C-alpha cells in the first residue's frame, strides 16, 4: 500500500514516526517508500529517533530525523528541501552529510500550544 501511494502521489518525502517498539513497522514503511522512489527523502520523528539519533540512523534507512517537537521543524525542513537541500539551518534535526551524522542545535519547546494550527 505504501509503495502504491508513493507512486500515485509522486511524493518527495516519506515522513513517519513512533516509539522504539515500532522500529520494525517504521522500517517497513520507509523501505517500501524507498523501493517505490529511491530518491525520496525518508524522515523520522518521535521517540524512535530523538532518544538516540545515531542508533536510529544505523537501524533505519532514513535521511533526516526530527528531534523533539516537529511541528515547526517539519515546515522549515520542507522549505529547506524545496530550496535545494541545505539542512544546516534547520533547528532540531539530525541528518547525514558525507557519511557523518550531523545534529543541528535544538529547537526550544513551544509552550504556547494554542499557536499551533
PDB file of N, CA and C in Angstrom:
ATOM      1  N   UNK A   1       0.810  -1.185   0.000  1.00  0.00           N
ATOM      2  CA  UNK A   1       0.000   0.000   0.000  1.00  0.00           C
ATOM      3  C   UNK A   1       0.860   1.258   0.000  1.00  0.00           C
ATOM      4  N   UNK A   2       1.948   1.286   0.762  1.00  0.00           N
ATOM      5  CA  UNK A   2       2.811   2.462   0.822  1.00  0.00           C
ATOM      6  C   UNK A   2       3.424   2.731  -0.543  1.00  0.00           C
ATOM      7  N   UNK A   3       3.986   1.718  -1.168  1.00  0.00           N
ATOM      8  CA  UNK A   3       4.628   1.908  -2.473  1.00  0.00           C
ATOM      9  C   UNK A   3       3.628   2.414  -3.503  1.00  0.00           C
ATOM     10  N   UNK A   4       2.431   1.858  -3.500  1.00  0.00           N
ATOM     11  CA  UNK A   4       1.405   2.299  -4.448  1.00  0.00           C
ATOM     12  C   UNK A   4       1.039   3.756  -4.208  1.00  0.00           C
ATOM     13  N   UNK A   5       0.921   4.146  -2.961  1.00  0.00           N
ATOM     14  CA  UNK A   5       0.572   5.542  -2.636  1.00  0.00           C
ATOM     15  C   UNK A   5       1.692   6.494  -3.043  1.00  0.00           C
ATOM     16  N   UNK A   6       2.930   6.102  -2.833  1.00  0.00           N
ATOM     17  CA  UNK A   6       4.068   6.926  -3.240  1.00  0.00           C
ATOM     18  C   UNK A   6       4.060   7.121  -4.752  1.00  0.00           C
ATOM     19  N   UNK A   7       3.858   6.036  -5.492  1.00  0.00           N
ATOM     20  CA  UNK A   7       3.814   6.146  -6.954  1.00  0.00           C
ATOM     21  C   UNK A   7       2.632   6.999  -7.402  1.00  0.00           C
ATOM     22  N   UNK A   8       1.500   6.825  -6.758  1.00  0.00           N
ATOM     23  CA  UNK A   8       0.279   7.560  -7.116  1.00  0.00           C
ATOM     24  C   UNK A   8       0.433   9.067  -6.888  1.00  0.00           C
ATOM     25  N   UNK A   9       1.044   9.445  -5.782  1.00  0.00           N
ATOM     26  CA  UNK A   9       1.145  10.860  -5.426  1.00  0.00           C
ATOM     27  C   UNK A   9       2.404  11.533  -5.955  1.00  0.00           C
ATOM     28  N   UNK A  10       3.439  10.740  -6.251  1.00  0.00           N
ATOM     29  CA  UNK A  10       4.714  11.331  -6.649  1.00  0.00           C
ATOM     30  C   UNK A  10       5.398  12.043  -5.495  1.00  0.00           C
ATOM     31  N   UNK A  11       5.126  11.595  -4.278  1.00  0.00           N
ATOM     32  CA  UNK A  11       5.654  12.239  -3.078  1.00  0.00           C
ATOM     33  C   UNK A  11       7.175  12.331  -3.109  1.00  0.00           C
ATOM     34  N   UNK A  12       7.692  13.435  -2.591  1.00  0.00           N
ATOM     35  CA  UNK A  12       9.130  13.648  -2.481  1.00  0.00           C
ATOM     36  C   UNK A  12       9.667  13.239  -1.120  1.00  0.00           C
ATOM     37  N   UNK A  13       8.782  13.195  -0.124  1.00  0.00           N
ATOM     38  CA  UNK A  13       9.177  12.908   1.255  1.00  0.00           C
ATOM     39  C   UNK A  13       8.236  11.860   1.842  1.00  0.00           C
ATOM     40  N   UNK A  14       8.830  10.897   2.553  1.00  0.00           N
ATOM     41  CA  UNK A  14       8.040   9.957   3.349  1.00  0.00           C
ATOM     42  C   UNK A  14       8.368  10.259   4.807  1.00  0.00           C
ATOM     43  N   UNK A  15       7.369  10.718   5.549  1.00  0.00           N
ATOM     44  CA  UNK A  15       7.567  11.075   6.952  1.00  0.00           C
ATOM     45  C   UNK A  15       6.787  10.114   7.830  1.00  0.00           C
ATOM     46  N   UNK A  16       7.450   9.609   8.844  1.00  0.00           N
ATOM     47  CA  UNK A  16       6.802   8.697   9.780  1.00  0.00           C
ATOM     48  C   UNK A  16       7.424   8.900  11.155  1.00  0.00           C
ATOM     49  N   UNK A  17       6.836   8.297  12.126  1.00  0.00           N
ATOM     50  CA  UNK A  17       7.358   8.411  13.476  1.00  0.00           C
ATOM     51  C   UNK A  17       6.738   7.366  14.364  1.00  0.00           C
ATOM     52  N   UNK A  18       7.184   7.340  15.580  1.00  0.00           N
ATOM     53  CA  UNK A  18       6.662   6.383  16.538  1.00  0.00           C
ATOM     54  C   UNK A  18       7.656   6.170  17.656  1.00  0.00           C
ATOM     55  N   UNK A  19       7.380   5.179  18.440  1.00  0.00           N
ATOM     56  CA  UNK A  19       8.241   4.850  19.567  1.00  0.00           C
ATOM     57  C   UNK A  19       9.125   3.664  19.212  1.00  0.00           C
ATOM     58  N   UNK A  20      10.152   3.446  19.995  1.00  0.00           N
ATOM     59  CA  UNK A  20      11.116   2.387  19.712  1.00  0.00           C
ATOM     60  C   UNK A  20      10.492   1.017  19.457  1.00  0.00           C
ATOM     61  N   UNK A  21       9.422   0.620  20.160  1.00  0.00           N
ATOM     62  CA  UNK A  21       8.825  -0.693  19.871  1.00  0.00           C
ATOM     63  C   UNK A  21       8.286  -0.807  18.444  1.00  0.00           C
ATOM     64  N   UNK A  22       8.140   0.319  17.759  1.00  0.00           N
ATOM     65  CA  UNK A  22       7.605   0.323  16.403  1.00  0.00           C
ATOM     66  C   UNK A  22       8.684   0.290  15.324  1.00  0.00           C
ATOM     67  N   UNK A  23       9.944   0.067  15.700  1.00  0.00           N
ATOM     68  CA  UNK A  23      11.049   0.072  14.746  1.00  0.00           C
ATOM     69  C   UNK A  23      10.746  -0.755  13.501  1.00  0.00           C
ATOM     70  N   UNK A  24      10.261  -1.965  13.681  1.00  0.00           N
ATOM     71  CA  UNK A  24      10.036  -2.860  12.535  1.00  0.00           C
ATOM     72  C   UNK A  24       8.989  -2.292  11.589  1.00  0.00           C
ATOM     73  N   UNK A  25       7.918  -1.760  12.130  1.00  0.00           N
ATOM     74  CA  UNK A  25       6.852  -1.199  11.289  1.00  0.00           C
ATOM     75  C   UNK A  25       7.327   0.063  10.572  1.00  0.00           C
ATOM     76  N   UNK A  26       8.040   0.910  11.295  1.00  0.00           N
ATOM     77  CA  UNK A  26       8.575   2.133  10.695  1.00  0.00           C
ATOM     78  C   UNK A  26       9.546   1.763   9.577  1.00  0.00           C
ATOM     79  N   UNK A  27      10.409   0.814   9.850  1.00  0.00           N
ATOM     80  CA  UNK A  27      11.365   0.370   8.830  1.00  0.00           C
ATOM     81  C   UNK A  27      10.673  -0.172   7.594  1.00  0.00           C
ATOM     82  N   UNK A  28       9.592  -0.917   7.770  1.00  0.00           N
ATOM     83  CA  UNK A  28       8.855  -1.470   6.624  1.00  0.00           C
ATOM     84  C   UNK A  28       8.242  -0.361   5.779  1.00  0.00           C
ATOM     85  N   UNK A  29       7.683   0.658   6.412  1.00  0.00           N
ATOM     86  CA  UNK A  29       7.101   1.790   5.675  1.00  0.00           C
ATOM     87  C   UNK A  29       8.187   2.515   4.890  1.00  0.00           C
ATOM     88  N   UNK A  30       9.303   2.803   5.543  1.00  0.00           N
ATOM     89  CA  UNK A  30      10.389   3.521   4.873  1.00  0.00           C
ATOM     90  C   UNK A  30      10.994   2.702   3.738  1.00  0.00           C
ATOM     91  N   UNK A  31      11.154   1.410   3.951  1.00  0.00           N
ATOM     92  CA  UNK A  31      11.698   0.540   2.903  1.00  0.00           C
ATOM     93  C   UNK A  31      10.780   0.504   1.686  1.00  0.00           C
ATOM     94  N   UNK A  32       9.473   0.422   1.925  1.00  0.00           N
ATOM     95  CA  UNK A  32       8.513   0.394   0.813  1.00  0.00           C
ATOM     96  C   UNK A  32       8.530   1.715   0.049  1.00  0.00           C
ATOM     97  N   UNK A  33       8.611   2.823   0.776  1.00  0.00           N
ATOM     98  CA  UNK A  33       8.667   4.133   0.119  1.00  0.00           C
ATOM     99  C   UNK A  33       9.938   4.268  -0.701  1.00  0.00           C
ATOM    100  N   UNK A  34      11.057   3.840  -0.133  1.00  0.00           N
ATOM    101  CA  UNK A  34      12.351   3.944  -0.822  1.00  0.00           C
ATOM    102  C   UNK A  34      12.368   3.055  -2.068  1.00  0.00           C
ATOM    103  N   UNK A  35      11.746   1.889  -1.991  1.00  0.00           N
ATOM    104  CA  UNK A  35      11.694   0.990  -3.144  1.00  0.00           C
ATOM    105  C   UNK A  35      10.871   1.610  -4.277  1.00  0.00           C
ATOM    106  N   UNK A  36       9.793   2.308  -3.915  1.00  0.00           N
ATOM    107  CA  UNK A  36       8.934   2.928  -4.925  1.00  0.00           C
ATOM    108  C   UNK A  36       9.580   4.158  -5.538  1.00  0.00           C
ATOM    109  N   UNK A  37      10.370   4.855  -4.732  1.00  0.00           N
ATOM    110  CA  UNK A  37      11.008   6.086  -5.218  1.00  0.00           C
ATOM    111  C   UNK A  37      12.363   6.241  -4.531  1.00  0.00           C
ATOM    112  N   UNK A  38      13.423   5.724  -5.137  1.00  0.00           N
ATOM    113  CA  UNK A  38      14.732   5.701  -4.482  1.00  0.00           C
ATOM    114  C   UNK A  38      15.294   7.066  -4.098  1.00  0.00           C
ATOM    115  N   UNK A  39      14.890   8.136  -4.802  1.00  0.00           N
ATOM    116  CA  UNK A  39      15.423   9.462  -4.489  1.00  0.00           C
ATOM    117  C   UNK A  39      14.599  10.209  -3.445  1.00  0.00           C
ATOM    118  N   UNK A  40      13.579   9.567  -2.908  1.00  0.00           N
ATOM    119  CA  UNK A  40      12.713  10.183  -1.911  1.00  0.00           C
ATOM    120  C   UNK A  40      13.480  10.415  -0.614  1.00  0.00           C
ATOM    121  N   UNK A  41      13.117  11.461   0.122  1.00  0.00           N
ATOM    122  CA  UNK A  41      13.703  11.745   1.428  1.00  0.00           C
ATOM    123  C   UNK A  41      12.876  11.007   2.483  1.00  0.00           C
ATOM    124  N   UNK A  42      13.542  10.163   3.258  1.00  0.00           N
ATOM    125  CA  UNK A  42      12.893   9.457   4.360  1.00  0.00           C
ATOM    126  C   UNK A  42      13.129  10.235   5.647  1.00  0.00           C
ATOM    127  N   UNK A  43      12.046  10.588   6.322  1.00  0.00           N
ATOM    128  CA  UNK A  43      12.067  11.425   7.513  1.00  0.00           C
ATOM    129  C   UNK A  43      11.411  10.676   8.662  1.00  0.00           C
ATOM    130  N   UNK A  44      12.053  10.682   9.828  1.00  0.00           N
ATOM    131  CA  UNK A  44      11.504  10.024  11.010  1.00  0.00           C
ATOM    132  C   UNK A  44      11.487  11.011  12.161  1.00  0.00           C
ATOM    133  N   UNK A  45      10.422  10.987  12.925  1.00  0.00           N
ATOM    134  CA  UNK A  45      10.315  11.812  14.121  1.00  0.00           C
ATOM    135  C   UNK A  45       9.782  10.993  15.269  1.00  0.00           C
ATOM    136  N   UNK A  46       9.643  11.631  16.389  1.00  0.00           N
ATOM    137  CA  UNK A  46       9.091  10.952  17.561  1.00  0.00           C
ATOM    138  C   UNK A  46      10.166  10.277  18.383  1.00  0.00           C
ATOM    139  N   UNK A  47       9.733   9.582  19.406  1.00  0.00           N
ATOM    140  CA  UNK A  47      10.645   8.954  20.352  1.00  0.00           C
ATOM    141  C   UNK A  47      11.617   7.980  19.727  1.00  0.00           C
ATOM    142  N   UNK A  48      11.216   7.348  18.620  1.00  0.00           N
ATOM    143  CA  UNK A  48      12.085   6.370  17.973  1.00  0.00           C
ATOM    144  C   UNK A  48      13.386   7.025  17.517  1.00  0.00           C
ATOM    145  N   UNK A  49      13.345   8.271  17.177  1.00  0.00           N
ATOM    146  CA  UNK A  49      14.544   8.934  16.693  1.00  0.00           C
ATOM    147  C   UNK A  49      15.202   9.785  17.753  1.00  0.00           C
ATOM    148  N   UNK A  50      14.435  10.556  18.483  1.00  0.00           N
ATOM    149  CA  UNK A  50      15.035  11.543  19.371  1.00  0.00           C
ATOM    150  C   UNK A  50      15.779  10.935  20.551  1.00  0.00           C
ATOM    151  N   UNK A  51      15.436   9.708  20.926  1.00  0.00           N
ATOM    152  CA  UNK A  51      16.128   9.107  22.064  1.00  0.00           C
ATOM    153  C   UNK A  51      17.580   8.774  21.728  1.00  0.00           C
ATOM    154  N   UNK A  52      17.858   8.355  20.504  1.00  0.00           N
ATOM    155  CA  UNK A  52      19.222   8.026  20.101  1.00  0.00           C
ATOM    156  C   UNK A  52      19.342   8.151  18.580  1.00  0.00           C
ATOM    157  N   UNK A  53      19.652   9.368  18.071  1.00  0.00           N
ATOM    158  CA  UNK A  53      19.713   9.578  16.630  1.00  0.00           C
ATOM    159  C   UNK A  53      20.720   8.677  15.925  1.00  0.00           C
ATOM    160  N   UNK A  54      21.840   8.410  16.553  1.00  0.00           N
ATOM    161  CA  UNK A  54      22.849   7.581  15.899  1.00  0.00           C
ATOM    162  C   UNK A  54      22.339   6.166  15.700  1.00  0.00           C
ATOM    163  N   UNK A  55      21.703   5.615  16.721  1.00  0.00           N
ATOM    164  CA  UNK A  55      21.157   4.259  16.619  1.00  0.00           C
ATOM    165  C   UNK A  55      20.047   4.204  15.579  1.00  0.00           C
ATOM    166  N   UNK A  56      19.125   5.139  15.635  1.00  0.00           N
ATOM    167  CA  UNK A  56      18.029   5.148  14.665  1.00  0.00           C
ATOM    168  C   UNK A  56      18.574   5.286  13.255  1.00  0.00           C
ATOM    169  N   UNK A  57      19.603   6.093  13.074  1.00  0.00           N
ATOM    170  CA  UNK A  57      20.203   6.278  11.755  1.00  0.00           C
ATOM    171  C   UNK A  57      20.886   5.027  11.244  1.00  0.00           C
ATOM    172  N   UNK A  58      21.368   4.200  12.140  1.00  0.00           N
ATOM    173  CA  UNK A  58      22.002   2.955  11.739  1.00  0.00           C
ATOM    174  C   UNK A  58      20.975   1.873  11.431  1.00  0.00           C
ATOM    175  N   UNK A  59      19.889   1.835  12.195  1.00  0.00           N
ATOM    176  CA  UNK A  59      18.911   0.766  12.066  1.00  0.00           C
ATOM    177  C   UNK A  59      17.921   1.042  10.931  1.00  0.00           C
ATOM    178  N   UNK A  60      17.505   2.286  10.774  1.00  0.00           N
ATOM    179  CA  UNK A  60      16.500   2.645   9.777  1.00  0.00           C
ATOM    180  C   UNK A  60      17.144   3.317   8.574  1.00  0.00           C
ATOM    181  N   UNK A  61      16.547   3.144   7.412  1.00  0.00           N
ATOM    182  CA  UNK A  61      17.020   3.788   6.187  1.00  0.00           C
ATOM    183  C   UNK A  61      16.429   5.187   6.133  1.00  0.00           C
ATOM    184  N   UNK A  62      17.038   6.105   6.889  1.00  0.00           N
ATOM    185  CA  UNK A  62      16.494   7.453   6.972  1.00  0.00           C
ATOM    186  C   UNK A  62      17.496   8.472   6.454  1.00  0.00           C
ATOM    187  N   UNK A  63      16.952   9.600   6.029  1.00  0.00           N
ATOM    188  CA  UNK A  63      17.781  10.717   5.591  1.00  0.00           C
ATOM    189  C   UNK A  63      17.820  11.813   6.652  1.00  0.00           C
ATOM    190  N   UNK A  64      16.687  12.037   7.321  1.00  0.00           N
ATOM    191  CA  UNK A  64      16.576  13.102   8.314  1.00  0.00           C
ATOM    192  C   UNK A  64      15.760  12.605   9.491  1.00  0.00           C
ATOM    193  N   UNK A  65      16.210  12.956  10.684  1.00  0.00           N
ATOM    194  CA  UNK A  65      15.452  12.667  11.887  1.00  0.00           C
ATOM    195  C   UNK A  65      15.096  13.958  12.587  1.00  0.00           C
ATOM    196  N   UNK A  66      13.855  14.061  13.025  1.00  0.00           N
ATOM    197  CA  UNK A  66      13.400  15.233  13.771  1.00  0.00           C
ATOM    198  C   UNK A  66      13.542  14.924  15.251  1.00  0.00           C
ATOM    199  N   UNK A  67      14.206  15.817  15.961  1.00  0.00           N
ATOM    200  CA  UNK A  67      14.470  15.640  17.384  1.00  0.00           C
ATOM    201  C   UNK A  67      13.568  16.597  18.153  1.00  0.00           C
ATOM    202  N   UNK A  68      12.779  16.059  19.047  1.00  0.00           N
ATOM    203  CA  UNK A  68      11.874  16.899  19.823  1.00  0.00           C
ATOM    204  C   UNK A  68      10.597  17.189  19.051  1.00  0.00           C
ATOM    205  N   UNK A  69       9.975  18.312  19.379  1.00  0.00           N
ATOM    206  CA  UNK A  69       8.712  18.687  18.737  1.00  0.00           C
ATOM    207  C   UNK A  69       8.952  19.003  17.273  1.00  0.00           C
ATOM    208  N   UNK A  70       8.096  18.458  16.420  1.00  0.00           N
ATOM    209  CA  UNK A  70       8.346  18.579  14.996  1.00  0.00           C
ATOM    210  C   UNK A  70       7.475  19.546  14.229  1.00  0.00           C
ATOM    211  N   UNK A  71       6.477  20.145  14.871  1.00  0.00           N
ATOM    212  CA  UNK A  71       5.529  20.973  14.129  1.00  0.00           C
ATOM    213  C   UNK A  71       6.219  22.088  13.346  1.00  0.00           C
ATOM    214  N   UNK A  72       7.067  22.858  13.969  1.00  0.00           N
ATOM    215  CA  UNK A  72       7.773  23.949  13.284  1.00  0.00           C
ATOM    216  C   UNK A  72       8.955  23.407  12.482  1.00  0.00           C
ATOM    217  N   UNK A  73       9.603  22.399  13.005  1.00  0.00           N
ATOM    218  CA  UNK A  73      10.774  21.834  12.346  1.00  0.00           C
ATOM    219  C   UNK A  73      10.436  21.292  10.963  1.00  0.00           C
ATOM    220  N   UNK A  74       9.328  20.575  10.851  1.00  0.00           N
ATOM    221  CA  UNK A  74       8.956  19.972   9.575  1.00  0.00           C
ATOM    222  C   UNK A  74       8.669  21.042   8.521  1.00  0.00           C
ATOM    223  N   UNK A  75       8.073  22.148   8.931  1.00  0.00           N
ATOM    224  CA  UNK A  75       7.803  23.240   7.987  1.00  0.00           C
ATOM    225  C   UNK A  75       9.120  23.814   7.466  1.00  0.00           C
ATOM    226  N   UNK A  76      10.062  24.073   8.363  1.00  0.00           N
ATOM    227  CA  UNK A  76      11.374  24.590   7.945  1.00  0.00           C
ATOM    228  C   UNK A  76      12.122  23.575   7.095  1.00  0.00           C
ATOM    229  N   UNK A  77      12.026  22.320   7.462  1.00  0.00           N
ATOM    230  CA  UNK A  77      12.702  21.262   6.720  1.00  0.00           C
ATOM    231  C   UNK A  77      12.166  21.180   5.292  1.00  0.00           C
ATOM    232  N   UNK A  78      10.854  21.228   5.142  1.00  0.00           N
ATOM    233  CA  UNK A  78      10.253  21.183   3.801  1.00  0.00           C
ATOM    234  C   UNK A  78      10.732  22.367   2.958  1.00  0.00           C
ATOM    235  N   UNK A  79      10.793  23.542   3.560  1.00  0.00           N
ATOM    236  CA  UNK A  79      11.268  24.728   2.829  1.00  0.00           C
ATOM    237  C   UNK A  79      12.731  24.562   2.425  1.00  0.00           C
ATOM    238  N   UNK A  80      13.538  24.021   3.315  1.00  0.00           N
ATOM    239  CA  UNK A  80      14.957  23.815   3.008  1.00  0.00           C
ATOM    240  C   UNK A  80      15.128  22.794   1.883  1.00  0.00           C
ATOM    241  N   UNK A  81      14.374  21.724   1.917  1.00  0.00           N
ATOM    242  CA  UNK A  81      14.456  20.711   0.864  1.00  0.00           C
ATOM    243  C   UNK A  81      14.003  21.286  -0.476  1.00  0.00           C
ATOM    244  N   UNK A  82      12.934  22.062  -0.450  1.00  0.00           N
ATOM    245  CA  UNK A  82      12.428  22.662  -1.687  1.00  0.00           C
ATOM    246  C   UNK A  82      13.414  23.660  -2.271  1.00  0.00           C
ATOM    247  N   UNK A  83      14.171  24.327  -1.394  1.00  0.00           N
ATOM    248  CA  UNK A  83      15.144  25.327  -1.837  1.00  0.00           C
ATOM    249  C   UNK A  83      16.468  24.716  -2.279  1.00  0.00           C
ATOM    250  N   UNK A  84      16.606  23.426  -2.190  1.00  0.00           N
ATOM    251  CA  UNK A  84      17.839  22.817  -2.666  1.00  0.00           C
ATOM    252  C   UNK A  84      18.527  21.895  -1.691  1.00  0.00           C
ATOM    253  N   UNK A  85      18.050  21.837  -0.467  1.00  0.00           N
ATOM    254  CA  UNK A  85      18.544  20.811   0.430  1.00  0.00           C
ATOM    255  C   UNK A  85      19.596  21.203   1.435  1.00  0.00           C
ATOM    256  N   UNK A  86      19.849  22.516   1.683  1.00  0.00           N
ATOM    257  CA  UNK A  86      20.794  22.894   2.728  1.00  0.00           C
ATOM    258  C   UNK A  86      20.091  22.785   4.067  1.00  0.00           C
ATOM    259  N   UNK A  87      20.386  21.729   4.812  1.00  0.00           N
ATOM    260  CA  UNK A  87      19.672  21.440   6.050  1.00  0.00           C
ATOM    261  C   UNK A  87      20.340  22.015   7.289  1.00  0.00           C
ATOM    262  N   UNK A  88      21.510  22.581   7.141  1.00  0.00           N
ATOM    263  CA  UNK A  88      22.274  23.060   8.284  1.00  0.00           C
ATOM    264  C   UNK A  88      21.584  24.130   9.104  1.00  0.00           C
ATOM    265  N   UNK A  89      20.680  24.884   8.519  1.00  0.00           N
ATOM    266  CA  UNK A  89      19.996  25.947   9.237  1.00  0.00           C
ATOM    267  C   UNK A  89      18.692  25.527   9.881  1.00  0.00           C
ATOM    268  N   UNK A  90      18.305  24.276   9.710  1.00  0.00           N
ATOM    269  CA  UNK A  90      17.055  23.788  10.284  1.00  0.00           C
ATOM    270  C   UNK A  90      17.334  23.286  11.694  1.00  0.00           C
ATOM    271  N   UNK A  91      16.733  23.915  12.682  1.00  0.00           N
ATOM    272  CA  UNK A  91      16.969  23.518  14.070  1.00  0.00           C
ATOM    273  C   UNK A  91      16.178  22.267  14.422  1.00  0.00           C
ATOM    274  N   UNK A  92      16.798  21.404  15.220  1.00  0.00           N
ATOM    275  CA  UNK A  92      16.100  20.241  15.746  1.00  0.00           C
ATOM    276  C   UNK A  92      16.080  19.031  14.839  1.00  0.00           C
ATOM    277  N   UNK A  93      17.130  18.863  14.037  1.00  0.00           N
ATOM    278  CA  UNK A  93      17.198  17.672  13.181  1.00  0.00           C
ATOM    279  C   UNK A  93      18.579  17.027  13.283  1.00  0.00           C
ATOM    280  N   UNK A  94      18.644  15.807  12.800  1.00  0.00           N
ATOM    281  CA  UNK A  94      19.912  15.114  12.582  1.00  0.00           C
ATOM    282  C   UNK A  94      19.830  14.530  11.177  1.00  0.00           C
ATOM    283  N   UNK A  95      20.948  14.563  10.471  1.00  0.00           N
ATOM    284  CA  UNK A  95      20.990  14.055   9.101  1.00  0.00           C
ATOM    285  C   UNK A  95      22.414  13.650   8.771  1.00  0.00           C
ATOM    286  N   UNK A  96      22.563  12.926   7.693  1.00  0.00           N
ATOM    287  CA  UNK A  96      23.895  12.501   7.261  1.00  0.00           C
ATOM    288  C   UNK A  96      24.422  13.455   6.202  1.00  0.00           C
ATOM    289  N   UNK A  97      25.650  13.872   6.403  1.00  0.00           N
ATOM    290  CA  UNK A  97      26.333  14.723   5.428  1.00  0.00           C
ATOM    291  C   UNK A  97      27.688  14.088   5.172  1.00  0.00           C
ATOM    292  N   UNK A  98      27.881  13.642   3.945  1.00  0.00           N
ATOM    293  CA  UNK A  98      29.123  12.953   3.577  1.00  0.00           C
ATOM    294  C   UNK A  98      29.418  11.775   4.505  1.00  0.00           C
ATOM    295  N   UNK A  99      28.363  11.042   4.876  1.00  0.00           N
ATOM    296  CA  UNK A  99      28.524   9.851   5.698  1.00  0.00           C
ATOM    297  C   UNK A  99      28.638  10.096   7.185  1.00  0.00           C
ATOM    298  N   UNK A 100      28.606  11.354   7.608  1.00  0.00           N
ATOM    299  CA  UNK A 100      28.737  11.688   9.023  1.00  0.00           C
ATOM    300  C   UNK A 100      27.404  12.192   9.558  1.00  0.00           C
ATOM    301  N   UNK A 101      27.031  11.753  10.765  1.00  0.00           N
ATOM    302  CA  UNK A 101      25.803  12.216  11.385  1.00  0.00           C
ATOM    303  C   UNK A 101      25.995  13.639  11.883  1.00  0.00           C
ATOM    304  N   UNK A 102      25.160  14.551  11.402  1.00  0.00           N
ATOM    305  CA  UNK A 102      25.190  15.955  11.811  1.00  0.00           C
ATOM    306  C   UNK A 102      23.929  16.216  12.617  1.00  0.00           C
ATOM    307  N   UNK A 103      24.086  16.851  13.750  1.00  0.00           N
ATOM    308  CA  UNK A 103      22.943  17.193  14.598  1.00  0.00           C
ATOM    309  C   UNK A 103      22.919  18.703  14.756  1.00  0.00           C
ATOM    310  N   UNK A 104      21.830  19.329  14.326  1.00  0.00           N
ATOM    311  CA  UNK A 104      21.728  20.783  14.418  1.00  0.00           C
ATOM    312  C   UNK A 104      21.307  21.174  15.836  1.00  0.00           C
ATOM    313  N   UNK A 105      21.487  22.451  16.184  1.00  0.00           N
ATOM    314  CA  UNK A 105      21.052  22.890  17.523  1.00  0.00           C
ATOM    315  C   UNK A 105      19.571  22.611  17.736  1.00  0.00           C
ATOM    316  N   UNK A 106      19.229  22.327  18.968  1.00  0.00           N
ATOM    317  CA  UNK A 106      17.842  22.005  19.292  1.00  0.00           C
ATOM    318  C   UNK A 106      16.908  23.185  19.139  1.00  0.00           C
ATOM    319  N   UNK A 107      15.660  22.869  19.001  1.00  0.00           N
ATOM    320  CA  UNK A 107      14.617  23.888  18.909  1.00  0.00           C
ATOM    321  C   UNK A 107      14.002  24.030  20.298  1.00  0.00           C
ATOM    322  N   UNK A 108      13.767  25.271  20.738  1.00  0.00           N
ATOM    323  CA  UNK A 108      13.117  25.443  22.041  1.00  0.00           C
ATOM    324  C   UNK A 108      11.715  24.828  22.044  1.00  0.00           C
ATOM    325  N   UNK A 109      11.290  24.337  23.187  1.00  0.00           N
ATOM    326  CA  UNK A 109       9.962  23.771  23.331  1.00  0.00           C
ATOM    327  C   UNK A 109       8.925  24.871  23.174  1.00  0.00           C
ATOM    328  N   UNK A 110       7.902  24.604  22.388  1.00  0.00           N
ATOM    329  CA  UNK A 110       6.817  25.565  22.194  1.00  0.00           C
ATOM    330  C   UNK A 110       5.864  25.453  23.383  1.00  0.00           C
ATOM    331  N   UNK A 111       5.824  26.480  24.191  1.00  0.00           N
ATOM    332  CA  UNK A 111       4.969  26.460  25.380  1.00  0.00           C
ATOM    333  C   UNK A 111       3.557  26.971  25.086  1.00  0.00           C
ATOM    334  N   UNK A 112       3.370  27.634  23.949  1.00  0.00           N
ATOM    335  CA  UNK A 112       2.070  28.175  23.578  1.00  0.00           C
ATOM    336  C   UNK A 112       1.397  27.229  22.585  1.00  0.00           C
ATOM    337  N   UNK A 113       0.779  26.184  23.081  1.00  0.00           N
ATOM    338  CA  UNK A 113       0.167  25.180  22.212  1.00  0.00           C
ATOM    339  C   UNK A 113      -0.973  25.764  21.381  1.00  0.00           C
ATOM    340  N   UNK A 114      -1.591  26.857  21.840  1.00  0.00           N
ATOM    341  CA  UNK A 114      -2.654  27.486  21.076  1.00  0.00           C
ATOM    342  C   UNK A 114      -2.138  28.143  19.806  1.00  0.00           C
ATOM    343  N   UNK A 115      -0.817  28.317  19.692  1.00  0.00           N
ATOM    344  CA  UNK A 115      -0.246  28.931  18.489  1.00  0.00           C
ATOM    345  C   UNK A 115      -0.156  27.930  17.337  1.00  0.00           C
ATOM    346  N   UNK A 116      -0.334  26.661  17.645  1.00  0.00           N
ATOM    347  CA  UNK A 116      -0.256  25.624  16.615  1.00  0.00           C
ATOM    348  C   UNK A 116      -1.632  25.426  15.981  1.00  0.00           C
ATOM    349  N   UNK A 117      -1.682  25.361  14.645  1.00  0.00           N
ATOM    350  CA  UNK A 117      -2.984  25.168  13.993  1.00  0.00           C
ATOM    351  C   UNK A 117      -3.600  23.810  14.326  1.00  0.00           C
TER     352      UNK A 117
END
